[in-house]
């Protein structure tokens, strides 16, 4: 009986770990999408004359930092 409980506990732990990894991936993809929208909005504002090159550059740097940390999978959806 102890072996069964140990295996069940290991499976549950694996499931929790996999669930957390998937949640982290989804959150990173959402954050990447938000940063991409922010860059688009900053660029649009700059082109219309109500934004600044600095705001566009900051948004670009934030996006590039996110990509360096989390990859660019969110760009391919």
C-alpha atoms as a PDB file:
ATOM      1  CA  UNK A   1       0.000   0.000   0.000  1.00  0.00           C
ATOM      2  CA  UNK A   2       2.878   2.381   0.781  1.00  0.00           C
ATOM      3  CA  UNK A   3       4.302   1.904  -2.736  1.00  0.00           C
ATOM      4  CA  UNK A   4       0.968   2.830  -4.269  1.00  0.00           C
ATOM      5  CA  UNK A   5       0.728   5.969  -2.155  1.00  0.00           C
ATOM      6  CA  UNK A   6       4.289   6.956  -3.025  1.00  0.00           C
ATOM      7  CA  UNK A   7       3.567   6.572  -6.752  1.00  0.00           C
ATOM      8  CA  UNK A   8       0.340   8.537  -6.429  1.00  0.00           C
ATOM      9  CA  UNK A   9       2.162  11.288  -4.568  1.00  0.00           C
ATOM     10  CA  UNK A  10       4.883  11.414  -7.253  1.00  0.00           C
ATOM     11  CA  UNK A  11       2.274  11.610 -10.017  1.00  0.00           C
ATOM     12  CA  UNK A  12       0.429  14.378  -8.220  1.00  0.00           C
ATOM     13  CA  UNK A  13       3.664  16.307  -7.752  1.00  0.00           C
ATOM     14  CA  UNK A  14       4.549  15.884 -11.444  1.00  0.00           C
ATOM     15  CA  UNK A  15       1.091  17.110 -12.392  1.00  0.00           C
ATOM     16  CA  UNK A  16       1.474  20.179 -10.194  1.00  0.00           C
ATOM     17  CA  UNK A  17       4.891  20.936 -11.648  1.00  0.00           C
ATOM     18  CA  UNK A  18       3.622  20.582 -15.218  1.00  0.00           C
ATOM     19  CA  UNK A  19       0.601  22.747 -14.429  1.00  0.00           C
ATOM     20  CA  UNK A  20       2.808  25.474 -12.965  1.00  0.00           C
ATOM     21  CA  UNK A  21       5.079  25.376 -16.023  1.00  0.00           C
ATOM     22  CA  UNK A  22       2.097  25.728 -18.348  1.00  0.00           C
ATOM     23  CA  UNK A  23       0.728  28.617 -16.278  1.00  0.00           C
ATOM     24  CA  UNK A  24       4.113  30.332 -16.405  1.00  0.00           C
ATOM     25  CA  UNK A  25       4.196  29.902 -20.196  1.00  0.00           C
ATOM     26  CA  UNK A  26       0.712  31.356 -20.606  1.00  0.00           C
ATOM     27  CA  UNK A  27       1.554  34.305 -18.369  1.00  0.00           C
ATOM     28  CA  UNK A  28       4.785  34.964 -20.306  1.00  0.00           C
ATOM     29  CA  UNK A  29       2.872  34.848 -23.596  1.00  0.00           C
ATOM     30  CA  UNK A  30       0.277  37.303 -22.267  1.00  0.00           C
ATOM     31  CA  UNK A  31       2.984  39.630 -20.993  1.00  0.00           C
ATOM     32  CA  UNK A  32       4.737  39.451 -24.370  1.00  0.00           C
ATOM     33  CA  UNK A  33       1.500  40.265 -26.164  1.00  0.00           C
ATOM     34  CA  UNK A  34       0.904  43.214 -23.870  1.00  0.00           C
ATOM     35  CA  UNK A  35       4.422  44.526 -24.483  1.00  0.00           C
ATOM     36  CA  UNK A  36       3.954  44.141 -28.225  1.00  0.00           C
ATOM     37  CA  UNK A  37       0.717  46.145 -28.043  1.00  0.00           C
ATOM     38  CA  UNK A  38       2.487  48.783 -25.975  1.00  0.00           C
ATOM     39  CA  UNK A  39       5.202  49.052 -28.620  1.00  0.00           C
ATOM     40  CA  UNK A  40       2.593  49.376 -31.360  1.00  0.00           C
ATOM     41  CA  UNK A  41       0.739  52.067 -29.445  1.00  0.00           C
ATOM     42  CA  UNK A  42       3.953  53.992 -28.758  1.00  0.00           C
ATOM     43  CA  UNK A  43       4.982  53.799 -32.409  1.00  0.00           C
ATOM     44  CA  UNK A  44       1.528  54.875 -33.570  1.00  0.00           C
ATOM     45  CA  UNK A  45       1.519  57.819 -31.154  1.00  0.00           C
ATOM     46  CA  UNK A  46       4.991  58.827 -32.305  1.00  0.00           C
ATOM     47  CA  UNK A  47       3.963  58.725 -35.979  1.00  0.00           C
ATOM     48  CA  UNK A  48       0.862  60.812 -35.251  1.00  0.00           C
ATOM     49  CA  UNK A  49       2.929  63.419 -33.453  1.00  0.00           C
ATOM     50  CA  UNK A  50       1.575  62.819 -29.951  1.00  0.00           C
ATOM     51  CA  UNK A  51       4.279  60.371 -28.856  1.00  0.00           C
ATOM     52  CA  UNK A  52       8.021  60.456 -28.590  1.00  0.00           C
ATOM     53  CA  UNK A  53      10.901  58.418 -29.960  1.00  0.00           C
ATOM     54  CA  UNK A  54      11.975  57.823 -26.364  1.00  0.00           C
ATOM     55  CA  UNK A  55       8.651  56.167 -25.478  1.00  0.00           C
ATOM     56  CA  UNK A  56       8.908  53.971 -28.559  1.00  0.00           C
ATOM     57  CA  UNK A  57      12.491  53.036 -27.678  1.00  0.00           C
ATOM     58  CA  UNK A  58      11.530  52.207 -24.078  1.00  0.00           C
ATOM     59  CA  UNK A  59       8.681  49.991 -25.289  1.00  0.00           C
ATOM     60  CA  UNK A  60      11.030  48.263 -27.742  1.00  0.00           C
ATOM     61  CA  UNK A  61      13.640  47.661 -25.055  1.00  0.00           C
ATOM     62  CA  UNK A  62      11.014  46.215 -22.695  1.00  0.00           C
ATOM     63  CA  UNK A  63       9.846  43.857 -25.443  1.00  0.00           C
ATOM     64  CA  UNK A  64      13.390  42.808 -26.317  1.00  0.00           C
ATOM     65  CA  UNK A  65      14.155  42.158 -22.660  1.00  0.00           C
ATOM     66  CA  UNK A  66      11.050  39.994 -22.366  1.00  0.00           C
ATOM     67  CA  UNK A  67      12.059  38.034 -25.485  1.00  0.00           C
ATOM     68  CA  UNK A  68      15.577  37.522 -24.144  1.00  0.00           C
ATOM     69  CA  UNK A  69      14.137  36.072 -20.943  1.00  0.00           C
ATOM     70  CA  UNK A  70      11.108  34.169 -22.227  1.00  0.00           C
ATOM     71  CA  UNK A  71      11.622  33.612 -25.938  1.00  0.00           C
ATOM     72  CA  UNK A  72       9.484  34.823 -28.797  1.00  0.00           C
ATOM     73  CA  UNK A  73       6.864  32.059 -29.021  1.00  0.00           C
ATOM     74  CA  UNK A  74       4.097  34.599 -28.425  1.00  0.00           C
ATOM     75  CA  UNK A  75       4.959  36.230 -31.754  1.00  0.00           C
ATOM     76  CA  UNK A  76       4.062  33.070 -33.645  1.00  0.00           C
ATOM     77  CA  UNK A  77       0.435  32.735 -32.523  1.00  0.00           C
END
